[in-house]
N, C-alpha and C. Protein backbone atom coordinates (compact mmCIF):
# COMPACT_ATOMS: atom_id res chain seq x y z
N MET A 1 -18.32 31.63 47.23
CA MET A 1 -17.09 31.52 46.49
C MET A 1 -16.88 30.11 45.95
N ALA A 2 -17.21 29.11 46.78
CA ALA A 2 -17.04 27.72 46.35
C ALA A 2 -17.96 27.41 45.17
N ALA A 3 -19.15 28.00 45.18
CA ALA A 3 -20.09 27.77 44.08
C ALA A 3 -19.54 28.36 42.78
N ILE A 4 -18.87 29.49 42.86
CA ILE A 4 -18.29 30.12 41.66
C ILE A 4 -17.16 29.25 41.11
N ARG A 5 -16.30 28.73 42.04
CA ARG A 5 -15.22 27.85 41.59
C ARG A 5 -15.77 26.59 40.94
N LYS A 6 -16.81 26.02 41.54
CA LYS A 6 -17.42 24.81 41.01
C LYS A 6 -17.99 25.08 39.62
N ALA A 7 -18.67 26.19 39.45
CA ALA A 7 -19.24 26.55 38.15
C ALA A 7 -18.13 26.76 37.13
N SER A 8 -17.04 27.39 37.57
CA SER A 8 -15.90 27.64 36.70
C SER A 8 -15.26 26.31 36.28
N ASN A 9 -15.10 25.40 37.22
CA ASN A 9 -14.53 24.08 36.92
C ASN A 9 -15.43 23.30 35.96
N LEU A 10 -16.74 23.37 36.17
CA LEU A 10 -17.67 22.69 35.26
C LEU A 10 -17.58 23.28 33.86
N ALA A 11 -17.48 24.61 33.76
CA ALA A 11 -17.37 25.26 32.45
C ALA A 11 -16.08 24.84 31.77
N SER A 12 -14.97 24.81 32.52
CA SER A 12 -13.68 24.39 31.96
C SER A 12 -13.74 22.94 31.51
N SER A 13 -14.36 22.12 32.33
CA SER A 13 -14.50 20.69 32.00
C SER A 13 -15.33 20.51 30.74
N ALA A 14 -16.40 21.27 30.61
CA ALA A 14 -17.25 21.19 29.42
C ALA A 14 -16.49 21.63 28.18
N LYS A 15 -15.69 22.71 28.32
CA LYS A 15 -14.89 23.18 27.20
C LYS A 15 -13.86 22.12 26.81
N GLY A 16 -13.22 21.51 27.83
CA GLY A 16 -12.23 20.46 27.58
C GLY A 16 -12.85 19.26 26.89
N THR A 17 -14.03 18.87 27.33
CA THR A 17 -14.74 17.74 26.72
C THR A 17 -15.12 18.06 25.28
N ALA A 18 -15.58 19.29 25.05
CA ALA A 18 -15.93 19.70 23.68
C ALA A 18 -14.69 19.71 22.80
N SER A 19 -13.56 20.17 23.36
CA SER A 19 -12.31 20.22 22.61
C SER A 19 -11.85 18.81 22.24
N VAL A 20 -11.93 17.88 23.19
CA VAL A 20 -11.57 16.48 22.93
C VAL A 20 -12.50 15.90 21.88
N GLY A 21 -13.78 16.22 21.98
CA GLY A 21 -14.75 15.74 21.00
C GLY A 21 -14.44 16.24 19.60
N ARG A 22 -14.05 17.51 19.49
CA ARG A 22 -13.67 18.08 18.18
C ARG A 22 -12.43 17.40 17.64
N MET A 23 -11.44 17.16 18.53
CA MET A 23 -10.20 16.50 18.11
C MET A 23 -10.48 15.09 17.61
N GLN A 24 -11.34 14.37 18.34
CA GLN A 24 -11.69 13.02 17.92
C GLN A 24 -12.40 13.03 16.57
N GLN A 25 -13.29 13.99 16.38
CA GLN A 25 -14.00 14.10 15.10
C GLN A 25 -13.03 14.42 13.97
N GLU A 26 -12.07 15.33 14.23
CA GLU A 26 -11.06 15.67 13.21
C GLU A 26 -10.23 14.44 12.85
N LEU A 27 -9.84 13.67 13.86
CA LEU A 27 -9.07 12.44 13.59
C LEU A 27 -9.88 11.45 12.77
N ARG A 28 -11.16 11.28 13.12
CA ARG A 28 -12.03 10.38 12.35
C ARG A 28 -12.15 10.86 10.91
N ASP A 29 -12.35 12.17 10.73
CA ASP A 29 -12.49 12.73 9.38
C ASP A 29 -11.23 12.51 8.56
N ARG A 30 -10.05 12.71 9.20
CA ARG A 30 -8.79 12.51 8.48
C ARG A 30 -8.58 11.04 8.14
N ALA A 31 -8.94 10.16 9.05
CA ALA A 31 -8.80 8.73 8.79
C ALA A 31 -9.71 8.30 7.64
N ILE A 32 -10.92 8.80 7.62
CA ILE A 32 -11.86 8.48 6.55
C ILE A 32 -11.35 9.01 5.22
N ALA A 33 -10.79 10.22 5.22
CA ALA A 33 -10.23 10.80 3.99
C ALA A 33 -9.05 9.97 3.49
N CYS A 34 -8.20 9.52 4.40
CA CYS A 34 -7.06 8.67 4.00
C CYS A 34 -7.54 7.36 3.40
N LEU A 35 -8.52 6.74 4.03
CA LEU A 35 -9.06 5.48 3.51
C LEU A 35 -9.72 5.68 2.16
N ALA A 36 -10.44 6.78 2.01
CA ALA A 36 -11.08 7.06 0.72
C ALA A 36 -10.04 7.27 -0.36
N SER A 37 -8.96 7.96 -0.04
CA SER A 37 -7.87 8.19 -0.98
C SER A 37 -7.23 6.86 -1.38
N TRP A 38 -6.98 5.99 -0.38
CA TRP A 38 -6.40 4.67 -0.64
C TRP A 38 -7.32 3.85 -1.53
N LYS A 39 -8.61 3.89 -1.25
CA LYS A 39 -9.57 3.13 -2.04
C LYS A 39 -9.57 3.62 -3.49
N LEU A 40 -9.53 4.93 -3.68
CA LEU A 40 -9.50 5.48 -5.05
C LEU A 40 -8.25 5.02 -5.79
N ARG A 41 -7.08 5.03 -5.09
CA ARG A 41 -5.85 4.57 -5.74
C ARG A 41 -5.93 3.10 -6.08
N LEU A 42 -6.53 2.30 -5.20
CA LEU A 42 -6.67 0.88 -5.46
C LEU A 42 -7.57 0.64 -6.66
N LEU A 43 -8.68 1.37 -6.71
CA LEU A 43 -9.61 1.20 -7.80
C LEU A 43 -9.12 1.83 -9.10
N ALA A 44 -8.21 2.79 -8.99
CA ALA A 44 -7.70 3.47 -10.18
C ALA A 44 -6.89 2.52 -11.04
N ASN A 45 -6.39 1.45 -10.42
CA ASN A 45 -5.68 0.44 -11.19
C ASN A 45 -4.51 1.05 -11.95
N GLU A 46 -3.73 1.84 -11.24
CA GLU A 46 -2.66 2.57 -11.89
C GLU A 46 -1.31 2.12 -11.37
N MET A 47 -0.46 1.66 -12.29
CA MET A 47 0.90 1.33 -11.89
C MET A 47 1.77 2.56 -12.12
N ASN A 48 2.78 2.70 -11.28
CA ASN A 48 3.66 3.86 -11.35
C ASN A 48 5.06 3.43 -11.75
N GLN A 49 5.63 4.12 -12.74
CA GLN A 49 6.99 3.83 -13.16
C GLN A 49 7.93 4.53 -12.18
N ILE A 50 8.79 3.75 -11.51
CA ILE A 50 9.71 4.34 -10.54
C ILE A 50 11.13 4.47 -11.09
N LEU A 51 11.44 3.68 -12.08
CA LEU A 51 12.68 3.77 -12.86
C LEU A 51 12.33 3.31 -14.27
N PRO A 52 13.12 3.65 -15.26
CA PRO A 52 12.79 3.15 -16.61
C PRO A 52 12.66 1.62 -16.61
N GLY A 53 11.50 1.15 -17.00
CA GLY A 53 11.24 -0.29 -17.06
C GLY A 53 10.92 -0.94 -15.73
N LEU A 54 10.79 -0.16 -14.65
CA LEU A 54 10.48 -0.71 -13.33
C LEU A 54 9.24 -0.01 -12.79
N TYR A 55 8.21 -0.79 -12.55
CA TYR A 55 6.91 -0.26 -12.12
C TYR A 55 6.54 -0.79 -10.75
N LEU A 56 5.70 -0.03 -10.04
CA LEU A 56 5.18 -0.42 -8.74
C LEU A 56 3.68 -0.18 -8.74
N GLY A 57 2.93 -1.13 -8.21
CA GLY A 57 1.49 -0.96 -8.18
C GLY A 57 0.79 -2.06 -7.41
N SER A 58 -0.45 -2.27 -7.74
CA SER A 58 -1.30 -3.20 -7.00
C SER A 58 -1.31 -4.59 -7.63
N MET A 59 -1.87 -5.53 -6.87
CA MET A 59 -2.03 -6.89 -7.37
C MET A 59 -2.98 -6.91 -8.57
N MET A 60 -3.94 -6.00 -8.57
CA MET A 60 -4.89 -5.95 -9.70
C MET A 60 -4.13 -5.68 -11.00
N ASP A 61 -3.15 -4.79 -10.96
CA ASP A 61 -2.34 -4.51 -12.14
C ASP A 61 -1.49 -5.72 -12.53
N ALA A 62 -0.94 -6.39 -11.53
CA ALA A 62 -0.07 -7.53 -11.78
C ALA A 62 -0.83 -8.65 -12.49
N LEU A 63 -2.12 -8.71 -12.30
CA LEU A 63 -2.93 -9.75 -12.93
C LEU A 63 -3.57 -9.29 -14.24
N ASN A 64 -3.36 -8.05 -14.62
CA ASN A 64 -3.98 -7.48 -15.82
C ASN A 64 -3.01 -7.63 -17.01
N GLU A 65 -3.20 -8.70 -17.78
CA GLU A 65 -2.31 -9.00 -18.90
C GLU A 65 -2.25 -7.86 -19.92
N LYS A 66 -3.37 -7.20 -20.15
CA LYS A 66 -3.41 -6.11 -21.12
C LYS A 66 -2.48 -4.96 -20.70
N VAL A 67 -2.57 -4.55 -19.42
CA VAL A 67 -1.74 -3.47 -18.91
C VAL A 67 -0.26 -3.87 -18.93
N LEU A 68 0.03 -5.10 -18.52
CA LEU A 68 1.42 -5.57 -18.51
C LEU A 68 2.00 -5.53 -19.92
N LYS A 69 1.21 -5.97 -20.89
CA LYS A 69 1.66 -5.98 -22.28
C LYS A 69 1.89 -4.56 -22.80
N GLU A 70 0.95 -3.65 -22.48
CA GLU A 70 1.07 -2.25 -22.91
C GLU A 70 2.35 -1.60 -22.38
N LYS A 71 2.72 -1.93 -21.15
CA LYS A 71 3.90 -1.34 -20.52
C LYS A 71 5.18 -2.10 -20.85
N GLY A 72 5.05 -3.24 -21.54
CA GLY A 72 6.23 -4.04 -21.87
C GLY A 72 6.79 -4.80 -20.68
N VAL A 73 5.93 -5.16 -19.74
CA VAL A 73 6.37 -5.87 -18.54
C VAL A 73 6.47 -7.37 -18.85
N SER A 74 7.63 -7.93 -18.54
CA SER A 74 7.82 -9.36 -18.78
C SER A 74 8.16 -10.12 -17.51
N ALA A 75 8.22 -9.41 -16.37
CA ALA A 75 8.48 -10.05 -15.08
C ALA A 75 7.73 -9.31 -13.99
N VAL A 76 7.23 -10.08 -13.01
CA VAL A 76 6.43 -9.51 -11.92
C VAL A 76 6.94 -10.05 -10.59
N VAL A 77 7.14 -9.16 -9.63
CA VAL A 77 7.41 -9.55 -8.25
C VAL A 77 6.15 -9.27 -7.46
N SER A 78 5.65 -10.28 -6.78
CA SER A 78 4.45 -10.11 -5.98
C SER A 78 4.82 -10.34 -4.51
N VAL A 79 4.57 -9.34 -3.67
CA VAL A 79 4.86 -9.43 -2.25
C VAL A 79 3.53 -9.43 -1.51
N THR A 80 3.10 -10.61 -1.12
CA THR A 80 1.80 -10.76 -0.45
C THR A 80 1.73 -12.13 0.21
N ASP A 81 0.82 -12.27 1.15
CA ASP A 81 0.58 -13.58 1.72
C ASP A 81 -0.64 -14.24 1.06
N LEU A 82 -1.25 -13.53 0.13
CA LEU A 82 -2.38 -14.08 -0.61
C LEU A 82 -1.90 -14.92 -1.78
N VAL A 83 -2.56 -16.03 -2.00
CA VAL A 83 -2.21 -16.84 -3.16
C VAL A 83 -3.17 -16.43 -4.27
N VAL A 84 -2.73 -15.47 -5.09
CA VAL A 84 -3.58 -15.00 -6.17
C VAL A 84 -3.08 -15.41 -7.53
N PHE A 85 -1.80 -15.69 -7.62
CA PHE A 85 -1.32 -16.21 -8.88
C PHE A 85 -0.04 -16.99 -8.67
N SER A 86 0.16 -17.93 -9.55
CA SER A 86 1.34 -18.78 -9.43
C SER A 86 2.35 -18.46 -10.50
N GLY A 87 1.95 -17.65 -11.47
CA GLY A 87 2.84 -17.33 -12.58
C GLY A 87 2.50 -18.14 -13.81
N ASP A 88 1.70 -19.19 -13.65
CA ASP A 88 1.33 -20.04 -14.78
C ASP A 88 0.22 -19.43 -15.62
N GLU A 89 -0.44 -18.40 -15.09
CA GLU A 89 -1.56 -17.79 -15.79
C GLU A 89 -1.12 -17.12 -17.09
N ASN A 90 0.06 -16.55 -17.11
CA ASN A 90 0.54 -15.81 -18.27
C ASN A 90 1.96 -16.29 -18.57
N GLU A 91 2.09 -17.09 -19.58
CA GLU A 91 3.39 -17.68 -19.91
C GLU A 91 4.40 -16.65 -20.37
N GLU A 92 3.94 -15.48 -20.80
CA GLU A 92 4.85 -14.43 -21.28
C GLU A 92 5.45 -13.62 -20.13
N VAL A 93 4.92 -13.78 -18.94
CA VAL A 93 5.38 -13.00 -17.80
C VAL A 93 5.97 -13.93 -16.74
N GLU A 94 7.24 -13.72 -16.44
CA GLU A 94 7.91 -14.48 -15.39
C GLU A 94 7.53 -13.86 -14.06
N SER A 95 7.39 -14.68 -13.02
CA SER A 95 6.96 -14.11 -11.75
C SER A 95 7.77 -14.66 -10.58
N LEU A 96 7.87 -13.83 -9.56
CA LEU A 96 8.47 -14.21 -8.29
C LEU A 96 7.49 -13.81 -7.21
N TRP A 97 7.17 -14.75 -6.34
CA TRP A 97 6.23 -14.47 -5.26
C TRP A 97 7.00 -14.49 -3.95
N ALA A 98 7.06 -13.37 -3.27
CA ALA A 98 7.65 -13.28 -1.94
C ALA A 98 6.50 -13.31 -0.95
N ARG A 99 6.32 -14.45 -0.31
CA ARG A 99 5.19 -14.61 0.61
C ARG A 99 5.48 -13.83 1.89
N LEU A 100 4.69 -12.76 2.07
CA LEU A 100 4.94 -11.86 3.19
C LEU A 100 3.63 -11.20 3.60
N SER A 101 3.33 -11.25 4.88
CA SER A 101 2.13 -10.59 5.40
C SER A 101 2.39 -9.11 5.58
N ASP A 102 1.36 -8.32 5.42
CA ASP A 102 1.46 -6.88 5.61
C ASP A 102 1.21 -6.56 7.08
N THR A 103 2.21 -6.89 7.91
CA THR A 103 2.11 -6.64 9.34
C THR A 103 3.39 -5.97 9.82
N ILE A 104 3.32 -5.35 10.97
CA ILE A 104 4.46 -4.62 11.51
C ILE A 104 5.63 -5.54 11.84
N ASP A 105 5.36 -6.80 12.16
CA ASP A 105 6.43 -7.71 12.56
C ASP A 105 6.84 -8.67 11.44
N ALA A 106 6.41 -8.40 10.21
CA ALA A 106 6.77 -9.26 9.08
C ALA A 106 8.27 -9.22 8.84
N ASP A 107 8.84 -10.35 8.48
CA ASP A 107 10.28 -10.46 8.24
C ASP A 107 10.62 -10.07 6.80
N VAL A 108 10.60 -8.78 6.54
CA VAL A 108 10.85 -8.24 5.20
C VAL A 108 12.29 -8.52 4.76
N ILE A 109 13.22 -8.36 5.68
CA ILE A 109 14.64 -8.46 5.35
C ILE A 109 15.00 -9.81 4.74
N SER A 110 14.35 -10.88 5.17
CA SER A 110 14.70 -12.20 4.66
C SER A 110 14.38 -12.34 3.16
N HIS A 111 13.58 -11.44 2.60
CA HIS A 111 13.22 -11.51 1.18
C HIS A 111 14.07 -10.59 0.30
N PHE A 112 14.86 -9.70 0.91
CA PHE A 112 15.62 -8.71 0.13
C PHE A 112 16.53 -9.33 -0.91
N ALA A 113 17.36 -10.29 -0.52
CA ALA A 113 18.35 -10.86 -1.45
C ALA A 113 17.67 -11.50 -2.66
N LYS A 114 16.64 -12.29 -2.41
CA LYS A 114 15.95 -12.99 -3.49
C LYS A 114 15.27 -11.99 -4.44
N VAL A 115 14.55 -11.03 -3.89
CA VAL A 115 13.83 -10.06 -4.71
C VAL A 115 14.82 -9.14 -5.44
N ASN A 116 15.85 -8.69 -4.75
CA ASN A 116 16.84 -7.82 -5.37
C ASN A 116 17.54 -8.53 -6.53
N SER A 117 17.90 -9.78 -6.34
CA SER A 117 18.56 -10.55 -7.41
C SER A 117 17.64 -10.70 -8.62
N PHE A 118 16.38 -10.99 -8.37
CA PHE A 118 15.39 -11.14 -9.45
C PHE A 118 15.25 -9.83 -10.22
N ILE A 119 15.07 -8.73 -9.49
CA ILE A 119 14.90 -7.42 -10.14
C ILE A 119 16.15 -7.03 -10.91
N HIS A 120 17.31 -7.19 -10.29
CA HIS A 120 18.56 -6.80 -10.93
C HIS A 120 18.80 -7.59 -12.22
N SER A 121 18.60 -8.89 -12.17
CA SER A 121 18.84 -9.71 -13.38
C SER A 121 17.87 -9.35 -14.50
N ARG A 122 16.63 -9.02 -14.19
CA ARG A 122 15.66 -8.65 -15.22
C ARG A 122 15.98 -7.27 -15.79
N ARG A 123 16.46 -6.36 -14.94
CA ARG A 123 16.82 -5.03 -15.44
C ARG A 123 18.04 -5.12 -16.36
N LEU A 124 18.99 -6.02 -16.06
CA LEU A 124 20.14 -6.21 -16.94
C LEU A 124 19.72 -6.76 -18.30
N GLN A 125 18.63 -7.51 -18.30
CA GLN A 125 18.10 -8.06 -19.55
C GLN A 125 17.17 -7.06 -20.26
N ASN A 126 17.03 -5.86 -19.70
CA ASN A 126 16.10 -4.85 -20.21
C ASN A 126 14.67 -5.35 -20.25
N SER A 127 14.32 -6.19 -19.28
CA SER A 127 12.94 -6.66 -19.16
C SER A 127 12.14 -5.63 -18.39
N GLY A 128 10.92 -5.38 -18.83
CA GLY A 128 10.03 -4.54 -18.03
C GLY A 128 9.68 -5.31 -16.78
N LEU A 129 9.72 -4.67 -15.64
CA LEU A 129 9.50 -5.36 -14.37
C LEU A 129 8.44 -4.63 -13.57
N TYR A 130 7.57 -5.40 -12.94
CA TYR A 130 6.46 -4.85 -12.17
C TYR A 130 6.49 -5.47 -10.79
N SER A 131 6.28 -4.67 -9.77
CA SER A 131 6.23 -5.16 -8.40
C SER A 131 4.91 -4.73 -7.78
N SER A 132 4.23 -5.70 -7.16
CA SER A 132 2.96 -5.38 -6.48
C SER A 132 3.06 -5.77 -5.04
């Protein structure tokens, strides 16, 4: 009887291990799919209009003078800890850089007033605005 219970426990344990293995593989597959999707969006270089004259997208778009001109963007808000542009690169585009790391403990709230004021004043001027 003990041998039967032991065999049964081993079979259950093997099934449980296989189930955990399948779950881990599914999680890995989903994570890889999410990363692939993110990479495609990053490489797609596509800004999205979220309100008339207000766009959201990547830093690559923010640095693309041709795209900014096509969309009528005259102001850019950049939220990053990377120093990729100072605003002097394109004299036709005004810029605001909110230096902020993409981390869970980043102090986002301290930038709200400055960024909101910048966006609001440009929208009142009917300026095309882009945020990356």
